PDB file of all heavy atoms in Angstrom:
ATOM      1  N   LYS A   1     108.302 104.526 117.547  1.00  0.00           N
ATOM      2  CA  LYS A   1     107.711 105.856 117.983  1.00  0.00           C
ATOM      3  C   LYS A   1     108.858 106.759 118.435  1.00  0.00           C
ATOM      4  O   LYS A   1     109.728 106.368 119.158  1.00  0.00           O
ATOM      5  CB  LYS A   1     106.693 105.583 119.147  1.00  0.00           C
ATOM      6  CG  LYS A   1     105.876 106.716 119.445  1.00  0.00           C
ATOM      7  CD  LYS A   1     104.760 106.366 120.449  1.00  0.00           C
ATOM      8  CE  LYS A   1     103.811 107.517 120.627  1.00  0.00           C
ATOM      9  NZ  LYS A   1     102.680 107.121 121.590  1.00  0.00           N
ATOM     10  N   GLY A   2     108.690 107.991 117.911  1.00  0.00           N
ATOM     11  CA  GLY A   2     109.720 108.943 118.252  1.00  0.00           C
ATOM     12  C   GLY A   2     110.872 108.985 117.266  1.00  0.00           C
ATOM     13  O   GLY A   2     111.651 110.009 117.172  1.00  0.00           O
ATOM     14  N   ARG A   3     111.017 107.978 116.388  1.00  0.00           N
ATOM     15  CA  ARG A   3     112.065 107.975 115.387  1.00  0.00           C
ATOM     16  C   ARG A   3     111.454 108.116 113.958  1.00  0.00           C
ATOM     17  O   ARG A   3     112.142 108.631 113.120  1.00  0.00           O
ATOM     18  CB  ARG A   3     112.876 106.737 115.518  1.00  0.00           C
ATOM     19  CG  ARG A   3     113.545 106.524 116.856  1.00  0.00           C
ATOM     20  CD  ARG A   3     114.521 105.392 116.842  1.00  0.00           C
ATOM     21  NE  ARG A   3     113.785 104.110 116.634  1.00  0.00           N
ATOM     22  CZ  ARG A   3     114.115 103.238 115.632  1.00  0.00           C
ATOM     23  NH1 ARG A   3     115.030 103.522 114.667  1.00  0.00           N
ATOM     24  NH2 ARG A   3     113.404 102.070 115.525  1.00  0.00           N
ATOM     25  N   PHE A   4     110.304 107.509 113.792  1.00  0.00           N
ATOM     26  CA  PHE A   4     109.624 107.435 112.454  1.00  0.00           C
ATOM     27  C   PHE A   4     108.446 108.364 112.448  1.00  0.00           C
ATOM     28  O   PHE A   4     107.758 108.524 113.450  1.00  0.00           O
ATOM     29  CB  PHE A   4     109.201 106.104 112.088  1.00  0.00           C
ATOM     30  CG  PHE A   4     110.250 105.039 111.872  1.00  0.00           C
ATOM     31  CD1 PHE A   4     111.567 105.311 112.164  1.00  0.00           C
ATOM     32  CD2 PHE A   4     109.870 103.883 111.312  1.00  0.00           C
ATOM     33  CE1 PHE A   4     112.508 104.302 111.886  1.00  0.00           C
ATOM     34  CE2 PHE A   4     110.828 102.814 111.061  1.00  0.00           C
ATOM     35  CZ  PHE A   4     112.146 103.108 111.370  1.00  0.00           C
ATOM     36  N   THR A   5     108.162 109.044 111.273  1.00  0.00           N
ATOM     37  CA  THR A   5     107.059 109.933 111.077  1.00  0.00           C
ATOM     38  C   THR A   5     106.352 109.599 109.838  1.00  0.00           C
ATOM     39  O   THR A   5     106.938 109.630 108.751  1.00  0.00           O
ATOM     40  CB  THR A   5     107.460 111.433 111.042  1.00  0.00           C
ATOM     41  OG1 THR A   5     108.221 111.749 112.334  1.00  0.00           O
ATOM     42  CG2 THR A   5     106.210 112.253 110.935  1.00  0.00           C
ATOM     43  N   ALA A   6     105.151 109.147 109.958  1.00  0.00           N
ATOM     44  CA  ALA A   6     104.307 108.869 108.713  1.00  0.00           C
ATOM     45  C   ALA A   6     103.518 110.010 108.405  1.00  0.00           C
ATOM     46  O   ALA A   6     103.023 110.834 109.226  1.00  0.00           O
ATOM     47  CB  ALA A   6     103.340 107.656 109.019  1.00  0.00           C
ATOM     48  N   SER A   7     103.268 110.225 107.129  1.00  0.00           N
ATOM     49  CA  SER A   7     102.457 111.394 106.677  1.00  0.00           C
ATOM     50  C   SER A   7     101.709 110.961 105.318  1.00  0.00           C
ATOM     51  O   SER A   7     102.133 110.072 104.690  1.00  0.00           O
ATOM     52  CB  SER A   7     103.264 112.617 106.382  1.00  0.00           C
ATOM     53  OG  SER A   7     104.228 112.398 105.523  1.00  0.00           O
ATOM     54  N   ARG A   8     100.671 111.744 105.038  1.00  0.00           N
ATOM     55  CA  ARG A   8     100.038 111.518 103.773  1.00  0.00           C
ATOM     56  C   ARG A   8      99.706 112.813 103.187  1.00  0.00           C
ATOM     57  O   ARG A   8      99.287 113.782 103.862  1.00  0.00           O
ATOM     58  CB  ARG A   8      98.860 110.587 103.796  1.00  0.00           C
ATOM     59  CG  ARG A   8      97.739 110.954 104.825  1.00  0.00           C
ATOM     60  CD  ARG A   8      96.652 109.908 104.688  1.00  0.00           C
ATOM     61  NE  ARG A   8      95.757 109.952 105.670  1.00  0.00           N
ATOM     62  CZ  ARG A   8      94.743 109.003 105.803  1.00  0.00           C
ATOM     63  NH1 ARG A   8      94.630 108.057 105.015  1.00  0.00           N
ATOM     64  NH2 ARG A   8      93.846 109.191 106.797  1.00  0.00           N
ATOM     65  N   ASP A   9      99.888 112.888 101.794  1.00  0.00           N
ATOM     66  CA  ASP A   9      99.663 114.222 101.116  1.00  0.00           C
ATOM     67  C   ASP A   9      98.562 113.838 100.023  1.00  0.00           C
ATOM     68  O   ASP A   9      98.832 113.170  99.007  1.00  0.00           O
ATOM     69  CB  ASP A   9     100.946 114.611 100.432  1.00  0.00           C
ATOM     70  CG  ASP A   9     100.899 115.998  99.820  1.00  0.00           C
ATOM     71  OD1 ASP A   9      99.780 116.348  99.303  1.00  0.00           O
ATOM     72  OD2 ASP A   9     101.893 116.676  99.707  1.00  0.00           O
ATOM     73  N   VAL A  10      97.379 114.378 100.317  1.00  0.00           N
ATOM     74  CA  VAL A  10      96.231 114.172  99.386  1.00  0.00           C
ATOM     75  C   VAL A  10      96.550 114.727  98.026  1.00  0.00           C
ATOM     76  O   VAL A  10      96.193 114.183  97.048  1.00  0.00           O
ATOM     77  CB  VAL A  10      94.942 114.685 100.017  1.00  0.00           C
ATOM     78  CG1 VAL A  10      93.834 114.544  98.972  1.00  0.00           C
ATOM     79  CG2 VAL A  10      94.687 113.951 101.284  1.00  0.00           C
ATOM     80  N   SER A  11      97.086 115.908  97.936  1.00  0.00           N
ATOM     81  CA  SER A  11      97.330 116.715  96.715  1.00  0.00           C
ATOM     82  C   SER A  11      98.241 115.866  95.805  1.00  0.00           C
ATOM     83  O   SER A  11      98.219 115.881  94.560  1.00  0.00           O
ATOM     84  CB  SER A  11      97.889 117.983  96.950  1.00  0.00           C
ATOM     85  OG  SER A  11      99.223 117.960  97.515  1.00  0.00           O
ATOM     86  N   LYS A  12      99.185 115.116  96.412  1.00  0.00           N
ATOM     87  CA  LYS A  12     100.201 114.284  95.663  1.00  0.00           C
ATOM     88  C   LYS A  12      99.844 112.815  95.606  1.00  0.00           C
ATOM     89  O   LYS A  12     100.521 111.986  94.978  1.00  0.00           O
ATOM     90  CB  LYS A  12     101.592 114.460  96.270  1.00  0.00           C
ATOM     91  CG  LYS A  12     102.125 115.915  96.193  1.00  0.00           C
ATOM     92  CD  LYS A  12     103.529 115.963  96.759  1.00  0.00           C
ATOM     93  CE  LYS A  12     104.067 117.352  96.667  1.00  0.00           C
ATOM     94  NZ  LYS A  12     105.421 117.553  97.262  1.00  0.00           N
ATOM     95  N   ASN A  13      98.721 112.523  96.303  1.00  0.00           N
ATOM     96  CA  ASN A  13      98.265 111.091  96.417  1.00  0.00           C
ATOM     97  C   ASN A  13      99.436 110.130  96.885  1.00  0.00           C
ATOM     98  O   ASN A  13      99.627 109.062  96.279  1.00  0.00           O
ATOM     99  CB  ASN A  13      97.792 110.592  95.071  1.00  0.00           C
ATOM    100  CG  ASN A  13      96.716 109.590  95.103  1.00  0.00           C
ATOM    101  OD1 ASN A  13      95.856 109.619  95.999  1.00  0.00           O
ATOM    102  ND2 ASN A  13      96.740 108.615  94.231  1.00  0.00           N
ATOM    103  N   THR A  14     100.104 110.619  97.907  1.00  0.00           N
ATOM    104  CA  THR A  14     101.274 109.883  98.417  1.00  0.00           C
ATOM    105  C   THR A  14     101.263 109.606  99.934  1.00  0.00           C
ATOM    106  O   THR A  14     100.828 110.554 100.661  1.00  0.00           O
ATOM    107  CB  THR A  14     102.503 110.719  98.034  1.00  0.00           C
ATOM    108  OG1 THR A  14     102.671 110.911  96.586  1.00  0.00           O
ATOM    109  CG2 THR A  14     103.796 110.030  98.553  1.00  0.00           C
ATOM    110  N   LEU A  15     101.717 108.511 100.232  1.00  0.00           N
ATOM    111  CA  LEU A  15     101.900 108.168 101.695  1.00  0.00           C
ATOM    112  C   LEU A  15     103.423 108.118 101.903  1.00  0.00           C
ATOM    113  O   LEU A  15     104.134 107.541 101.074  1.00  0.00           O
ATOM    114  CB  LEU A  15     101.385 106.760 101.958  1.00  0.00           C
ATOM    115  CG  LEU A  15     101.489 106.159 103.353  1.00  0.00           C
ATOM    116  CD1 LEU A  15     100.732 106.973 104.352  1.00  0.00           C
ATOM    117  CD2 LEU A  15     101.122 104.700 103.340  1.00  0.00           C
ATOM    118  N   SER A  16     103.879 108.626 103.017  1.00  0.00           N
ATOM    119  CA  SER A  16     105.331 108.723 103.290  1.00  0.00           C
ATOM    120  C   SER A  16     105.698 108.169 104.587  1.00  0.00           C
ATOM    121  O   SER A  16     104.845 108.185 105.523  1.00  0.00           O
ATOM    122  CB  SER A  16     105.906 110.148 103.117  1.00  0.00           C
ATOM    123  OG  SER A  16     105.628 110.637 101.798  1.00  0.00           O
ATOM    124  N   LEU A  17     106.934 107.790 104.777  1.00  0.00           N
ATOM    125  CA  LEU A  17     107.482 107.336 106.066  1.00  0.00           C
ATOM    126  C   LEU A  17     108.961 107.877 106.200  1.00  0.00           C
ATOM    127  O   LEU A  17     109.811 107.438 105.491  1.00  0.00           O
ATOM    128  CB  LEU A  17     107.520 105.827 106.230  1.00  0.00           C
ATOM    129  CG  LEU A  17     107.869 105.296 107.587  1.00  0.00           C
ATOM    130  CD1 LEU A  17     106.846 105.670 108.676  1.00  0.00           C
ATOM    131  CD2 LEU A  17     108.074 103.772 107.556  1.00  0.00           C
ATOM    132  N   GLN A  18     108.991 108.827 107.102  1.00  0.00           N
ATOM    133  CA  GLN A  18     110.351 109.452 107.345  1.00  0.00           C
ATOM    134  C   GLN A  18     110.945 108.649 108.549  1.00  0.00           C
ATOM    135  O   GLN A  18     110.404 108.606 109.574  1.00  0.00           O
ATOM    136  CB  GLN A  18     110.220 110.884 107.710  1.00  0.00           C
ATOM    137  CG  GLN A  18     111.563 111.545 108.076  1.00  0.00           C
ATOM    138  CD  GLN A  18     112.579 111.619 106.929  1.00  0.00           C
ATOM    139  OE1 GLN A  18     112.263 112.049 105.888  1.00  0.00           O
ATOM    140  NE2 GLN A  18     113.810 111.240 107.195  1.00  0.00           N
ATOM    141  N   MET A  19     112.136 108.073 108.192  1.00  0.00           N
ATOM    142  CA  MET A  19     112.770 107.236 109.256  1.00  0.00           C
ATOM    143  C   MET A  19     114.095 107.817 109.638  1.00  0.00           C
ATOM    144  O   MET A  19     115.023 107.997 108.852  1.00  0.00           O
ATOM    145  CB  MET A  19     113.002 105.808 108.650  1.00  0.00           C
ATOM    146  CG  MET A  19     111.747 105.142 108.190  1.00  0.00           C
ATOM    147  SD  MET A  19     111.982 103.488 107.572  1.00  0.00           S
ATOM    148  CE  MET A  19     113.103 103.737 106.167  1.00  0.00           C
ATOM    149  N   ASN A  20     114.157 108.181 110.992  1.00  0.00           N
ATOM    150  CA  ASN A  20     115.431 108.836 111.528  1.00  0.00           C
ATOM    151  C   ASN A  20     116.012 107.833 112.606  1.00  0.00           C
ATOM    152  O   ASN A  20     115.254 106.969 113.087  1.00  0.00           O
ATOM    153  CB  ASN A  20     115.102 110.179 112.123  1.00  0.00           C
ATOM    154  CG  ASN A  20     114.514 111.220 111.132  1.00  0.00           C
ATOM    155  OD1 ASN A  20     114.913 111.093 109.935  1.00  0.00           O
ATOM    156  ND2 ASN A  20     113.645 112.049 111.539  1.00  0.00           N
ATOM    157  N   SER A  21     117.276 108.161 112.969  1.00  0.00           N
ATOM    158  CA  SER A  21     117.859 107.428 113.989  1.00  0.00           C
ATOM    159  C   SER A  21     117.772 105.908 113.724  1.00  0.00           C
ATOM    160  O   SER A  21     117.468 105.162 114.636  1.00  0.00           O
ATOM    161  CB  SER A  21     117.342 107.790 115.333  1.00  0.00           C
ATOM    162  OG  SER A  21     117.500 109.153 115.601  1.00  0.00           O
ATOM    163  N   LEU A  22     118.079 105.509 112.580  1.00  0.00           N
ATOM    164  CA  LEU A  22     117.756 104.070 112.117  1.00  0.00           C
ATOM    165  C   LEU A  22     118.820 103.205 112.894  1.00  0.00           C
ATOM    166  O   LEU A  22     119.982 103.560 113.191  1.00  0.00           O
ATOM    167  CB  LEU A  22     118.020 103.925 110.624  1.00  0.00           C
ATOM    168  CG  LEU A  22     116.800 104.393 109.819  1.00  0.00           C
ATOM    169  CD1 LEU A  22     117.112 104.618 108.400  1.00  0.00           C
ATOM    170  CD2 LEU A  22     115.621 103.367 109.955  1.00  0.00           C
ATOM    171  N   LYS A  23     118.351 102.048 113.218  1.00  0.00           N
ATOM    172  CA  LYS A  23     119.100 100.997 113.954  1.00  0.00           C
ATOM    173  C   LYS A  23     119.257  99.688 113.056  1.00  0.00           C
ATOM    174  O   LYS A  23     118.374  99.485 112.257  1.00  0.00           O
ATOM    175  CB  LYS A  23     118.400 100.615 115.219  1.00  0.00           C
ATOM    176  CG  LYS A  23     118.118 101.816 116.167  1.00  0.00           C
ATOM    177  CD  LYS A  23     117.263 101.395 117.383  1.00  0.00           C
ATOM    178  CE  LYS A  23     116.931 102.571 118.264  1.00  0.00           C
ATOM    179  NZ  LYS A  23     116.139 102.153 119.398  1.00  0.00           N
ATOM    180  N   PRO A  24     120.200  98.893 113.342  1.00  0.00           N
ATOM    181  CA  PRO A  24     120.354  97.660 112.550  1.00  0.00           C
ATOM    182  C   PRO A  24     119.036  96.833 112.625  1.00  0.00           C
ATOM    183  O   PRO A  24     118.664  96.106 111.657  1.00  0.00           O
ATOM    184  CB  PRO A  24     121.482  96.928 113.204  1.00  0.00           C
ATOM    185  CG  PRO A  24     122.314  98.029 113.753  1.00  0.00           C
ATOM    186  CD  PRO A  24     121.402  99.091 114.208  1.00  0.00           C
ATOM    187  N   GLU A  25     118.330  96.856 113.741  1.00  0.00           N
ATOM    188  CA  GLU A  25     117.089  96.055 113.910  1.00  0.00           C
ATOM    189  C   GLU A  25     115.952  96.560 113.081  1.00  0.00           C
ATOM    190  O   GLU A  25     114.901  96.005 112.951  1.00  0.00           O
ATOM    191  CB  GLU A  25     116.717  95.892 115.313  1.00  0.00           C
ATOM    192  CG  GLU A  25     116.639  97.232 116.118  1.00  0.00           C
ATOM    193  CD  GLU A  25     117.862  97.540 116.872  1.00  0.00           C
ATOM    194  OE1 GLU A  25     119.032  97.323 116.359  1.00  0.00           O
ATOM    195  OE2 GLU A  25     117.803  98.011 118.044  1.00  0.00           O
ATOM    196  N   ASP A  26     116.156  97.750 112.417  1.00  0.00           N
ATOM    197  CA  ASP A  26     115.102  98.305 111.538  1.00  0.00           C
ATOM    198  C   ASP A  26     115.247  97.606 110.113  1.00  0.00           C
ATOM    199  O   ASP A  26     114.405  97.935 109.281  1.00  0.00           O
ATOM    200  CB  ASP A  26     115.258  99.831 111.409  1.00  0.00           C
ATOM    201  CG  ASP A  26     114.946 100.553 112.723  1.00  0.00           C
ATOM    202  OD1 ASP A  26     113.902 100.140 113.379  1.00  0.00           O
ATOM    203  OD2 ASP A  26     115.629 101.463 113.030  1.00  0.00           O
ATOM    204  N   THR A  27     116.264  96.925 109.918  1.00  0.00           N
ATOM    205  CA  THR A  27     116.499  96.236 108.693  1.00  0.00           C
ATOM    206  C   THR A  27     115.333  95.321 108.320  1.00  0.00           C
ATOM    207  O   THR A  27     114.984  94.458 109.081  1.00  0.00           O
ATOM    208  CB  THR A  27     117.817  95.439 108.613  1.00  0.00           C
ATOM    209  OG1 THR A  27     118.907  96.418 108.765  1.00  0.00           O
ATOM    210  CG2 THR A  27     117.995  94.666 107.334  1.00  0.00           C
ATOM    211  N   ALA A  28     114.722  95.535 107.132  1.00  0.00           N
ATOM    212  CA  ALA A  28     113.578  94.802 106.770  1.00  0.00           C
ATOM    213  C   ALA A  28     113.088  95.229 105.367  1.00  0.00           C
ATOM    214  O   ALA A  28     113.525  96.218 104.855  1.00  0.00           O
ATOM    215  CB  ALA A  28     112.448  94.969 107.792  1.00  0.00           C
ATOM    216  N   LEU A  29     112.123  94.435 104.927  1.00  0.00           N
ATOM    217  CA  LEU A  29     111.389  94.766 103.681  1.00  0.00           C
ATOM    218  C   LEU A  29     110.161  95.567 104.191  1.00  0.00           C
ATOM    219  O   LEU A  29     109.404  95.047 105.009  1.00  0.00           O
ATOM    220  CB  LEU A  29     110.980  93.554 102.957  1.00  0.00           C
ATOM    221  CG  LEU A  29     110.483  93.749 101.574  1.00  0.00           C
ATOM    222  CD1 LEU A  29     111.544  94.395 100.618  1.00  0.00           C
ATOM    223  CD2 LEU A  29     110.099  92.325 100.920  1.00  0.00           C
ATOM    224  N   TYR A  30     110.018  96.784 103.732  1.00  0.00           N
ATOM    225  CA  TYR A  30     108.978  97.669 104.137  1.00  0.00           C
ATOM    226  C   TYR A  30     107.859  97.656 103.104  1.00  0.00           C
ATOM    227  O   TYR A  30     108.045  97.923 101.923  1.00  0.00           O
ATOM    228  CB  TYR A  30     109.426  99.104 104.373  1.00  0.00           C
ATOM    229  CG  TYR A  30     110.240  99.221 105.700  1.00  0.00           C
ATOM    230  CD1 TYR A  30     111.461  98.650 105.866  1.00  0.00           C
ATOM    231  CD2 TYR A  30     109.649  99.834 106.782  1.00  0.00           C
ATOM    232  CE1 TYR A  30     112.140  98.704 107.059  1.00  0.00           C
ATOM    233  CE2 TYR A  30     110.358  99.986 107.991  1.00  0.00           C
ATOM    234  CZ  TYR A  30     111.578  99.391 108.110  1.00  0.00           C
ATOM    235  OH  TYR A  30     112.254  99.481 109.307  1.00  0.00           O
ATOM    236  N   TYR A  31     106.599  97.554 103.601  1.00  0.00           N
ATOM    237  CA  TYR A  31     105.379  97.461 102.717  1.00  0.00           C
ATOM    238  C   TYR A  31     104.443  98.618 103.015  1.00  0.00           C
ATOM    239  O   TYR A  31     104.120  98.929 104.209  1.00  0.00           O
ATOM    240  CB  TYR A  31     104.664  96.092 102.902  1.00  0.00           C
ATOM    241  CG  TYR A  31     105.439  94.911 102.584  1.00  0.00           C
ATOM    242  CD1 TYR A  31     106.181  94.261 103.506  1.00  0.00           C
ATOM    243  CD2 TYR A  31     105.366  94.394 101.269  1.00  0.00           C
ATOM    244  CE1 TYR A  31     106.875  93.080 103.122  1.00  0.00           C
ATOM    245  CE2 TYR A  31     106.028  93.280 100.922  1.00  0.00           C
ATOM    246  CZ  TYR A  31     106.777  92.626 101.930  1.00  0.00           C
ATOM    247  OH  TYR A  31     107.492  91.431 101.533  1.00  0.00           O
ATOM    248  N   CYS A  32     103.949  99.206 101.945  1.00  0.00           N
ATOM    249  CA  CYS A  32     102.797 100.067 101.999  1.00  0.00           C
ATOM    250  C   CYS A  32     101.578  99.283 102.026  1.00  0.00           C
ATOM    251  O   CYS A  32     101.472  98.196 101.372  1.00  0.00           O
ATOM    252  CB  CYS A  32     102.922 101.005 100.835  1.00  0.00           C
ATOM    253  SG  CYS A  32     101.558 102.131 100.562  1.00  0.00           S
ATOM    254  N   ALA A  33     100.583  99.755 102.716  1.00  0.00           N
ATOM    255  CA  ALA A  33      99.366  98.946 102.856  1.00  0.00           C
ATOM    256  C   ALA A  33      98.110  99.840 102.904  1.00  0.00           C
ATOM    257  O   ALA A  33      98.060 100.955 103.390  1.00  0.00           O
ATOM    258  CB  ALA A  33      99.407  98.153 104.176  1.00  0.00           C
ATOM    259  N   ARG A  34      97.024  99.328 102.229  1.00  0.00           N
ATOM    260  CA  ARG A  34      95.707  99.948 102.289  1.00  0.00           C
ATOM    261  C   ARG A  34      94.757  98.980 102.949  1.00  0.00           C
ATOM    262  O   ARG A  34      94.679  97.783 102.522  1.00  0.00           O
ATOM    263  CB  ARG A  34      95.204 100.297 100.879  1.00  0.00           C
ATOM    264  CG  ARG A  34      93.931 101.162 101.019  1.00  0.00           C
ATOM    265  CD  ARG A  34      93.367 101.537  99.586  1.00  0.00           C
ATOM    266  NE  ARG A  34      92.771 100.383  98.933  1.00  0.00           N
ATOM    267  CZ  ARG A  34      92.065 100.475  97.839  1.00  0.00           C
ATOM    268  NH1 ARG A  34      91.910 101.645  97.286  1.00  0.00           N
ATOM    269  NH2 ARG A  34      91.554  99.406  97.339  1.00  0.00           N
ATOM    270  N   TYR A  35      94.167  99.458 104.026  1.00  0.00           N
ATOM    271  CA  TYR A  35      93.256  98.554 104.781  1.00  0.00           C
ATOM    272  C   TYR A  35      91.951  98.361 104.117  1.00  0.00           C
ATOM    273  O   TYR A  35      91.412  99.213 103.335  1.00  0.00           O
ATOM    274  CB  TYR A  35      93.055  99.155 106.188  1.00  0.00           C
ATOM    275  CG  TYR A  35      94.299  99.121 107.012  1.00  0.00           C
ATOM    276  CD1 TYR A  35      95.115 100.212 107.071  1.00  0.00           C
ATOM    277  CD2 TYR A  35      94.635  98.069 107.894  1.00  0.00           C
ATOM    278  CE1 TYR A  35      96.181 100.339 107.834  1.00  0.00           C
ATOM    279  CE2 TYR A  35      95.749  98.046 108.654  1.00  0.00           C
ATOM    280  CZ  TYR A  35      96.583  99.203 108.571  1.00  0.00           C
ATOM    281  OH  TYR A  35      97.752  99.203 109.476  1.00  0.00           O
TER     282      TYR A  35
END
């Protein structure tokens, strides 16, 4: 919280995740998910 921003664009049918101020502990495999 405060470093990442998620957004979705219906016109482009796209989900995004802007990640700023990245830290070594953010290292991971990132998955998109539909509930």
